[in-house]
Amino acid sequence: MNGYVQFETPDGEPITVNIDRINFVRRFRGGNIACAINFEKGNYIVVKGSLEAVTRALQEG
């Protein structure tokens, strides 16, 4: 598939994610304002958005 999706960190910095490398997405602590995207080997990044919004963006590619 080799698609990329652009998100923002909670601080407002843009970040681009390769969707082929994602293992799972989970809600990050602190409510429903941020999600943690987990990559291979346990590395993860935190992006702004609810769990539903982030997974929808990843599905649409």
C-alpha atoms as a PDB file:
ATOM      1  CA  MET A   1       0.000   0.000   0.000  1.00  0.00           C
ATOM      2  CA  ASN A   2       2.813   2.406   0.932  1.00  0.00           C
ATOM      3  CA  GLY A   3       0.553   5.292   1.965  1.00  0.00           C
ATOM      4  CA  TYR A   4       1.326   8.214   4.204  1.00  0.00           C
ATOM      5  CA  VAL A   5      -1.017  10.234   6.419  1.00  0.00           C
ATOM      6  CA  GLN A   6      -0.210  13.579   8.012  1.00  0.00           C
ATOM      7  CA  PHE A   7      -1.193  14.277  11.625  1.00  0.00           C
ATOM      8  CA  GLU A   8      -0.282  16.837  14.270  1.00  0.00           C
ATOM      9  CA  THR A   9       1.371  16.202  17.610  1.00  0.00           C
ATOM     10  CA  PRO A  10      -0.433  17.556  20.704  1.00  0.00           C
ATOM     11  CA  ASP A  11       1.995  20.506  20.527  1.00  0.00           C
ATOM     12  CA  GLY A  12       0.868  21.335  16.971  1.00  0.00           C
ATOM     13  CA  GLU A  13       3.909  20.043  15.069  1.00  0.00           C
ATOM     14  CA  PRO A  14       3.116  18.277  11.755  1.00  0.00           C
ATOM     15  CA  ILE A  15       4.125  14.625  11.491  1.00  0.00           C
ATOM     16  CA  THR A  16       3.766  12.163   8.604  1.00  0.00           C
ATOM     17  CA  VAL A  17       3.047   8.496   9.304  1.00  0.00           C
ATOM     18  CA  ASN A  18       3.672   5.512   7.000  1.00  0.00           C
ATOM     19  CA  ILE A  19       0.533   3.416   7.464  1.00  0.00           C
ATOM     20  CA  ASP A  20       2.297   0.200   6.413  1.00  0.00           C
ATOM     21  CA  ARG A  21       4.409   0.294   9.598  1.00  0.00           C
ATOM     22  CA  ILE A  22       1.570   0.652  12.117  1.00  0.00           C
ATOM     23  CA  ASN A  23       0.766  -2.243  14.444  1.00  0.00           C
ATOM     24  CA  PHE A  24      -2.072  -0.687  16.436  1.00  0.00           C
ATOM     25  CA  VAL A  25      -3.587   2.581  17.645  1.00  0.00           C
ATOM     26  CA  ARG A  26      -4.728   3.199  21.212  1.00  0.00           C
ATOM     27  CA  ARG A  27      -6.083   6.076  23.261  1.00  0.00           C
ATOM     28  CA  PHE A  28      -3.336   8.021  24.998  1.00  0.00           C
ATOM     29  CA  ARG A  29      -3.718   8.965  28.651  1.00  0.00           C
ATOM     30  CA  GLY A  30      -5.542  12.152  29.372  1.00  0.00           C
ATOM     31  CA  GLY A  31      -8.881  11.484  27.742  1.00  0.00           C
ATOM     32  CA  ASN A  32      -9.943  11.458  24.145  1.00  0.00           C
ATOM     33  CA  ILE A  33      -7.764  14.253  22.756  1.00  0.00           C
ATOM     34  CA  ALA A  34      -4.708  12.203  21.730  1.00  0.00           C
ATOM     35  CA  CYS A  35      -3.838   8.736  20.424  1.00  0.00           C
ATOM     36  CA  ALA A  36      -0.663   6.680  20.489  1.00  0.00           C
ATOM     37  CA  ILE A  37       0.285   5.032  17.188  1.00  0.00           C
ATOM     38  CA  ASN A  38       2.462   1.970  17.767  1.00  0.00           C
ATOM     39  CA  PHE A  39       5.093   0.903  15.236  1.00  0.00           C
ATOM     40  CA  GLU A  40       7.351  -2.132  14.959  1.00  0.00           C
ATOM     41  CA  LYS A  41       9.597  -2.843  17.956  1.00  0.00           C
ATOM     42  CA  GLY A  42       7.342  -1.000  20.396  1.00  0.00           C
ATOM     43  CA  ASN A  43       8.094   2.536  19.239  1.00  0.00           C
ATOM     44  CA  TYR A  44       5.155   4.908  19.260  1.00  0.00           C
ATOM     45  CA  ILE A  45       4.229   8.515  18.597  1.00  0.00           C
ATOM     46  CA  VAL A  46       1.422  10.580  20.083  1.00  0.00           C
ATOM     47  CA  VAL A  47      -0.878  12.421  17.678  1.00  0.00           C
ATOM     48  CA  LYS A  48      -3.749  14.838  18.212  1.00  0.00           C
ATOM     49  CA  GLY A  49      -7.258  13.452  17.675  1.00  0.00           C
ATOM     50  CA  SER A  50      -9.768  11.004  19.047  1.00  0.00           C
ATOM     51  CA  LEU A  51      -9.342   7.285  18.516  1.00  0.00           C
ATOM     52  CA  GLU A  52     -12.173   7.295  15.975  1.00  0.00           C
ATOM     53  CA  ALA A  53     -10.771  10.231  13.990  1.00  0.00           C
ATOM     54  CA  VAL A  54      -7.244   8.797  13.838  1.00  0.00           C
ATOM     55  CA  THR A  55      -8.340   5.308  12.768  1.00  0.00           C
ATOM     56  CA  ARG A  56     -10.666   6.786  10.138  1.00  0.00           C
ATOM     57  CA  ALA A  57      -7.805   8.866   8.705  1.00  0.00           C
ATOM     58  CA  LEU A  58      -5.570   5.787   8.591  1.00  0.00           C
ATOM     59  CA  GLN A  59      -8.242   3.716   6.819  1.00  0.00           C
ATOM     60  CA  GLU A  60      -8.761   6.396   4.179  1.00  0.00           C
ATOM     61  CA  GLY A  61      -5.007   6.597   3.646  1.00  0.00           C
END
